Amino acid sequence: QVQLVESGGGLVQPGGSLRLSCAASGITFSHYTMEWDRQAPGQQRELVARITYGGITNYADSVRGRSTISRDNAKNTVHLQMDSLKPEDTAVYFCHARYEYGSLEHWGQGTQVTVSS
């Protein structure tokens, strides 16, 4: 059974930092590109950051320079460090696994991030 379990969300003040983590099980982690996506109320889900098994990263323009995605292939985990958070970063953040050799993909349940004073 595939599981992607997110943790690390919460309430943070503007300018603060959070580190999101995702633990994957039930997949061959080395075969998946890992993403963090987010969905704000009334908005479409959007890509925040992506990292391939080999470590190639991509970021949305809205978070580039403020966020760092990383993965630990030995522990089947992926992390998103977010700094200088803004109220517009408020959203549910989802861990997303994309199979690098086909169309298979998996999603976590999401973790709420709220940026507010």
Protein backbone atom coordinates (compact mmCIF):
# COMPACT_ATOMS: atom_id res chain seq x y z
CA GLN A 1 0.00 0.00 0.00
CA VAL A 2 1.38 3.37 -1.04
CA GLN A 3 1.56 6.00 1.67
CA LEU A 4 2.82 9.56 1.53
CA VAL A 5 2.60 11.11 4.98
CA GLU A 6 3.18 14.84 5.34
CA SER A 7 4.16 16.63 8.52
CA GLY A 8 5.43 20.01 9.65
CA GLY A 9 2.57 22.31 8.74
CA GLY A 10 1.09 24.84 11.12
CA LEU A 11 0.55 28.50 11.90
CA VAL A 12 3.48 30.84 11.39
CA GLN A 13 3.85 34.61 11.35
CA PRO A 14 4.81 36.47 8.16
CA GLY A 15 8.55 36.32 7.69
CA GLY A 16 8.80 33.05 9.57
CA SER A 17 9.95 29.60 8.46
CA LEU A 18 8.57 26.08 8.27
CA ARG A 19 10.01 22.76 7.23
CA LEU A 20 7.61 20.29 5.68
CA SER A 21 8.46 16.60 5.53
CA CYS A 22 6.99 13.70 3.58
CA ALA A 23 7.66 10.07 4.37
CA ALA A 24 7.02 7.66 1.50
CA SER A 25 6.34 3.95 1.76
CA GLY A 26 5.05 1.30 -0.62
CA ILE A 27 6.90 2.72 -3.62
CA THR A 28 10.36 2.29 -5.12
CA PHE A 29 11.51 5.74 -4.09
CA SER A 30 14.36 5.82 -6.60
CA HIS A 31 11.84 5.61 -9.46
CA TYR A 32 9.93 8.73 -8.48
CA THR A 33 10.27 12.45 -8.89
CA MET A 34 8.94 14.07 -5.73
CA GLU A 35 6.96 17.28 -5.64
CA TRP A 36 5.37 19.63 -3.19
CA ASP A 37 2.16 21.14 -4.50
CA ARG A 38 -0.26 23.46 -2.76
CA GLN A 39 -3.88 24.48 -2.98
CA ALA A 40 -5.29 27.65 -1.48
CA PRO A 41 -9.04 28.06 -0.87
CA GLY A 42 -10.83 28.66 -4.16
CA GLN A 43 -7.63 28.16 -6.15
CA GLN A 44 -6.30 25.40 -8.35
CA ARG A 45 -3.60 23.11 -7.05
CA GLU A 46 -0.18 24.34 -8.14
CA LEU A 47 3.39 23.13 -8.17
CA VAL A 48 5.64 24.59 -5.48
CA ALA A 49 8.83 22.60 -6.01
CA ARG A 50 10.05 19.40 -7.64
CA ILE A 51 13.11 17.20 -7.21
CA THR A 52 14.14 14.23 -9.34
CA TYR A 53 15.83 11.14 -7.92
CA GLY A 54 19.10 12.53 -9.23
CA GLY A 55 18.57 15.81 -7.39
CA ILE A 56 17.51 18.15 -10.20
CA THR A 57 15.17 20.78 -8.76
CA ASN A 58 12.54 23.16 -10.07
CA TYR A 59 10.65 25.88 -8.22
CA ALA A 60 7.59 27.98 -8.84
CA ASP A 61 8.49 31.62 -9.41
CA SER A 62 6.46 32.55 -6.34
CA VAL A 63 8.74 30.61 -3.97
CA ARG A 64 12.09 30.60 -5.76
CA GLY A 65 14.77 32.01 -3.49
CA ARG A 66 12.64 31.45 -0.37
CA SER A 67 12.26 27.68 -0.48
CA THR A 68 14.51 24.63 -0.75
CA ILE A 69 13.37 21.13 -1.65
CA SER A 70 15.56 18.18 -0.69
CA ARG A 71 15.28 14.41 -0.50
CA ASP A 72 16.92 11.67 1.49
CA ASN A 73 16.89 8.62 -0.76
CA ALA A 74 18.13 6.36 2.03
CA LYS A 75 15.17 7.29 4.24
CA ASN A 76 12.51 7.71 1.51
CA THR A 77 11.77 11.23 2.63
CA VAL A 78 11.42 14.60 0.94
CA HIS A 79 11.50 17.98 2.65
CA LEU A 80 10.51 21.53 1.83
CA GLN A 81 12.21 24.31 3.77
CA MET A 82 10.23 27.52 3.43
CA ASP A 83 11.60 30.85 4.65
CA SER A 84 10.37 34.43 4.55
CA LEU A 85 6.82 33.14 4.49
CA LYS A 86 4.06 35.42 3.24
CA PRO A 87 0.29 35.34 3.85
CA GLU A 88 -0.14 34.27 0.22
CA ASP A 89 1.75 31.07 1.03
CA THR A 90 -1.26 29.98 3.07
CA ALA A 91 -2.54 26.72 1.57
CA VAL A 92 -2.77 23.00 2.02
CA TYR A 93 0.55 21.51 0.95
CA PHE A 94 0.59 18.08 -0.68
CA CYS A 95 3.37 15.61 -1.18
CA HIS A 96 3.19 14.21 -4.73
CA ALA A 97 5.14 11.29 -6.18
CA ARG A 98 5.48 11.05 -9.97
CA TYR A 99 6.78 7.83 -11.51
CA GLU A 100 9.70 8.77 -13.74
CA TYR A 101 9.02 5.97 -16.26
CA GLY A 102 5.29 6.34 -16.80
CA SER A 103 2.12 8.13 -15.76
CA LEU A 104 1.64 6.65 -12.29
CA GLU A 105 1.38 9.16 -9.47
CA HIS A 106 0.46 9.27 -5.79
CA TRP A 107 -0.65 12.01 -3.41
CA GLY A 108 -0.49 12.53 0.32
CA GLN A 109 -3.40 13.81 2.39
CA GLY A 110 -1.93 17.28 2.74
CA THR A 111 -0.80 19.49 5.60
CA GLN A 112 -2.16 22.97 6.33
CA VAL A 113 0.20 25.93 6.30
CA THR A 114 -1.23 29.21 7.56
CA VAL A 115 0.80 32.40 7.47
CA SER A 116 -0.83 35.06 9.60
CA SER A 117 -0.07 37.56 12.32
